[in-house]
């Protein structure tokens, strides 16, 4: 399992896109990370676990436009 730390302002869907590259695995992310509710709101630096072997699009979490992460719109 790989670890991912959430960023300020991310939703659970953003975290899923940043890890798996697809929302198809949101329930897997929830299960592996011990989240009990799909309405969970991540806090900065929450740790999420995901299976790197089933990542479908690894470029989503690396895509930035200037100082903004594509999946989260977080400015750095």
N, C-alpha and C. Protein backbone atom coordinates (compact mmCIF):
# COMPACT_ATOMS: atom_id res chain seq x y z
N UNK A 1 0.83 -1.18 0.00
CA UNK A 1 0.00 0.00 0.00
C UNK A 1 0.87 1.24 0.00
N UNK A 2 0.45 2.21 -0.76
CA UNK A 2 1.13 3.50 -0.84
C UNK A 2 0.38 4.50 0.03
N UNK A 3 1.09 5.47 0.59
CA UNK A 3 0.47 6.51 1.40
C UNK A 3 0.36 7.81 0.59
N UNK A 4 -0.70 8.55 0.87
CA UNK A 4 -0.91 9.85 0.25
C UNK A 4 -1.37 10.80 1.35
N UNK A 5 -0.77 11.98 1.43
CA UNK A 5 -1.19 13.00 2.39
C UNK A 5 -2.06 14.02 1.66
N UNK A 6 -3.23 14.27 2.23
CA UNK A 6 -4.15 15.23 1.61
C UNK A 6 -3.62 16.65 1.74
N UNK A 7 -4.06 17.48 0.81
CA UNK A 7 -3.69 18.89 0.79
C UNK A 7 -4.86 19.73 1.28
N UNK A 8 -4.58 20.96 1.62
CA UNK A 8 -5.60 21.89 2.07
C UNK A 8 -6.70 22.04 1.01
N UNK A 9 -7.95 21.89 1.41
CA UNK A 9 -9.07 22.12 0.53
C UNK A 9 -9.50 20.93 -0.32
N UNK A 10 -8.83 19.79 -0.19
CA UNK A 10 -9.22 18.65 -1.00
C UNK A 10 -10.49 17.99 -0.49
N UNK A 11 -11.26 17.46 -1.41
CA UNK A 11 -12.40 16.62 -1.06
C UNK A 11 -11.94 15.17 -1.18
N UNK A 12 -12.78 14.26 -0.75
CA UNK A 12 -12.46 12.84 -0.88
C UNK A 12 -12.32 12.45 -2.35
N UNK A 13 -13.12 13.08 -3.20
CA UNK A 13 -13.03 12.82 -4.63
C UNK A 13 -11.69 13.30 -5.19
N UNK A 14 -11.21 14.45 -4.72
CA UNK A 14 -9.89 14.95 -5.15
C UNK A 14 -8.79 13.97 -4.76
N UNK A 15 -8.89 13.45 -3.53
CA UNK A 15 -7.89 12.49 -3.06
C UNK A 15 -7.91 11.25 -3.94
N UNK A 16 -9.09 10.78 -4.29
CA UNK A 16 -9.20 9.60 -5.14
C UNK A 16 -8.59 9.86 -6.52
N UNK A 17 -8.86 11.01 -7.09
CA UNK A 17 -8.25 11.35 -8.38
C UNK A 17 -6.74 11.48 -8.27
N UNK A 18 -6.27 11.99 -7.14
CA UNK A 18 -4.84 12.18 -6.95
C UNK A 18 -4.11 10.88 -6.68
N UNK A 19 -4.83 9.85 -6.28
CA UNK A 19 -4.19 8.56 -6.01
C UNK A 19 -4.41 7.59 -7.16
N UNK A 20 -5.66 7.27 -7.43
CA UNK A 20 -5.97 6.28 -8.47
C UNK A 20 -6.13 6.86 -9.87
N UNK A 21 -6.40 8.15 -9.95
CA UNK A 21 -6.59 8.77 -11.25
C UNK A 21 -7.98 8.56 -11.81
N UNK A 22 -8.88 8.00 -11.00
CA UNK A 22 -10.26 7.74 -11.43
C UNK A 22 -11.14 7.61 -10.19
N UNK A 23 -12.37 8.07 -10.32
CA UNK A 23 -13.32 7.94 -9.21
C UNK A 23 -13.88 6.53 -9.08
N UNK A 24 -13.54 5.65 -10.02
CA UNK A 24 -14.00 4.26 -9.96
C UNK A 24 -13.53 3.55 -8.70
N UNK A 25 -12.47 4.03 -8.11
CA UNK A 25 -11.89 3.35 -6.94
C UNK A 25 -12.12 4.10 -5.63
N UNK A 26 -13.11 4.97 -5.58
CA UNK A 26 -13.34 5.75 -4.37
C UNK A 26 -13.71 4.86 -3.19
N UNK A 27 -14.50 3.82 -3.42
CA UNK A 27 -14.86 2.93 -2.31
C UNK A 27 -13.68 2.10 -1.84
N UNK A 28 -12.80 1.78 -2.75
CA UNK A 28 -11.57 1.06 -2.37
C UNK A 28 -10.70 1.97 -1.50
N UNK A 29 -10.56 3.24 -1.88
CA UNK A 29 -9.80 4.21 -1.11
C UNK A 29 -10.39 4.36 0.29
N UNK A 30 -11.70 4.47 0.36
CA UNK A 30 -12.39 4.61 1.65
C UNK A 30 -12.13 3.39 2.52
N UNK A 31 -12.26 2.22 1.96
CA UNK A 31 -12.07 0.99 2.71
C UNK A 31 -10.63 0.85 3.19
N UNK A 32 -9.67 1.03 2.31
CA UNK A 32 -8.26 0.86 2.66
C UNK A 32 -7.76 1.92 3.63
N UNK A 33 -8.41 3.08 3.64
CA UNK A 33 -7.96 4.18 4.51
C UNK A 33 -8.73 4.22 5.84
N UNK A 34 -9.66 3.30 6.02
CA UNK A 34 -10.40 3.25 7.27
C UNK A 34 -11.41 4.36 7.44
N UNK A 35 -11.89 4.90 6.32
CA UNK A 35 -12.91 5.95 6.35
C UNK A 35 -14.27 5.26 6.48
N UNK A 36 -15.13 5.77 7.32
CA UNK A 36 -16.43 5.12 7.53
C UNK A 36 -17.58 5.81 6.82
N UNK A 37 -17.28 6.86 6.03
CA UNK A 37 -18.36 7.65 5.46
C UNK A 37 -17.89 8.35 4.19
N UNK A 38 -18.65 8.23 3.12
CA UNK A 38 -18.26 8.88 1.86
C UNK A 38 -18.33 10.40 1.94
N UNK A 39 -18.99 10.92 2.95
CA UNK A 39 -19.08 12.37 3.15
C UNK A 39 -17.92 12.92 3.98
N UNK A 40 -16.94 12.09 4.27
CA UNK A 40 -15.79 12.52 5.06
C UNK A 40 -15.08 13.68 4.36
N UNK A 41 -14.71 14.68 5.13
CA UNK A 41 -13.98 15.84 4.59
C UNK A 41 -12.53 15.75 5.07
N UNK A 42 -11.60 15.51 4.15
CA UNK A 42 -10.19 15.40 4.54
C UNK A 42 -9.64 16.69 5.14
N UNK A 43 -8.76 16.50 6.09
CA UNK A 43 -8.03 17.63 6.66
C UNK A 43 -6.62 17.62 6.07
N UNK A 44 -5.95 18.74 6.13
CA UNK A 44 -4.58 18.83 5.62
C UNK A 44 -3.72 17.76 6.29
N UNK A 45 -2.97 17.03 5.47
CA UNK A 45 -2.04 15.98 5.90
C UNK A 45 -2.69 14.73 6.46
N UNK A 46 -3.99 14.52 6.24
CA UNK A 46 -4.59 13.21 6.54
C UNK A 46 -3.89 12.18 5.66
N UNK A 47 -3.68 11.01 6.18
CA UNK A 47 -3.01 9.96 5.41
C UNK A 47 -4.06 9.00 4.85
N UNK A 48 -3.97 8.77 3.55
CA UNK A 48 -4.84 7.85 2.84
C UNK A 48 -3.96 6.75 2.26
N UNK A 49 -4.51 5.54 2.18
CA UNK A 49 -3.79 4.40 1.63
C UNK A 49 -4.45 3.96 0.34
N UNK A 50 -3.61 3.62 -0.64
CA UNK A 50 -4.14 3.15 -1.93
C UNK A 50 -3.19 2.12 -2.52
N UNK A 51 -3.73 1.27 -3.37
CA UNK A 51 -2.97 0.19 -4.00
C UNK A 51 -2.37 0.71 -5.30
N UNK A 52 -1.07 0.88 -5.31
CA UNK A 52 -0.38 1.43 -6.48
C UNK A 52 -0.50 0.52 -7.71
N UNK A 53 -0.83 -0.75 -7.49
CA UNK A 53 -0.94 -1.69 -8.60
C UNK A 53 -2.21 -1.51 -9.43
N UNK A 54 -3.18 -0.75 -8.90
CA UNK A 54 -4.41 -0.56 -9.68
C UNK A 54 -4.65 0.90 -10.05
N UNK A 55 -3.61 1.72 -10.01
CA UNK A 55 -3.71 3.11 -10.46
C UNK A 55 -3.99 3.10 -11.96
N UNK A 56 -5.04 3.81 -12.36
CA UNK A 56 -5.41 3.81 -13.78
C UNK A 56 -4.89 5.01 -14.55
N UNK A 57 -4.60 6.09 -13.85
CA UNK A 57 -4.07 7.27 -14.52
C UNK A 57 -3.12 7.98 -13.56
N UNK A 58 -1.85 7.68 -13.68
CA UNK A 58 -0.87 8.24 -12.73
C UNK A 58 -0.49 9.67 -13.04
N UNK A 59 -0.95 10.22 -14.14
CA UNK A 59 -0.57 11.60 -14.47
C UNK A 59 -1.47 12.63 -13.81
N UNK A 60 -2.65 12.24 -13.34
CA UNK A 60 -3.58 13.21 -12.75
C UNK A 60 -2.97 13.87 -11.53
N UNK A 61 -2.33 13.09 -10.65
CA UNK A 61 -1.81 13.67 -9.42
C UNK A 61 -0.54 14.49 -9.64
N UNK A 62 0.02 14.44 -10.81
CA UNK A 62 1.23 15.22 -11.09
C UNK A 62 0.97 16.42 -11.97
N UNK A 63 -0.24 16.56 -12.44
CA UNK A 63 -0.55 17.63 -13.37
C UNK A 63 -0.75 18.95 -12.64
N UNK A 64 0.02 19.95 -13.05
CA UNK A 64 -0.10 21.29 -12.48
C UNK A 64 -0.18 22.29 -13.61
N UNK A 65 -0.93 23.34 -13.36
CA UNK A 65 -0.99 24.47 -14.28
C UNK A 65 -0.47 25.65 -13.48
N UNK A 66 0.75 26.06 -13.75
CA UNK A 66 1.36 27.10 -12.93
C UNK A 66 1.53 26.61 -11.51
N UNK A 67 0.93 27.29 -10.57
CA UNK A 67 1.01 26.90 -9.17
C UNK A 67 -0.25 26.21 -8.68
N UNK A 68 -1.04 25.66 -9.60
CA UNK A 68 -2.30 25.03 -9.23
C UNK A 68 -2.25 23.56 -9.61
N UNK A 69 -2.58 22.68 -8.63
CA UNK A 69 -2.70 21.26 -8.91
C UNK A 69 -4.01 21.03 -9.66
N UNK A 70 -3.95 20.32 -10.76
CA UNK A 70 -5.10 20.11 -11.63
C UNK A 70 -6.28 19.46 -10.89
N UNK A 71 -6.04 18.42 -10.12
CA UNK A 71 -7.14 17.68 -9.50
C UNK A 71 -7.76 18.42 -8.33
N UNK A 72 -7.08 19.39 -7.76
CA UNK A 72 -7.57 20.01 -6.52
C UNK A 72 -7.79 21.51 -6.63
N UNK A 73 -7.21 22.13 -7.60
CA UNK A 73 -7.23 23.60 -7.72
C UNK A 73 -6.56 24.28 -6.54
N UNK A 74 -5.68 23.59 -5.85
CA UNK A 74 -4.99 24.19 -4.72
C UNK A 74 -3.80 25.00 -5.23
N UNK A 75 -3.71 26.21 -4.83
CA UNK A 75 -2.58 27.05 -5.20
C UNK A 75 -1.44 26.80 -4.22
N UNK A 76 -0.23 26.71 -4.76
CA UNK A 76 0.93 26.48 -3.88
C UNK A 76 1.81 27.71 -3.86
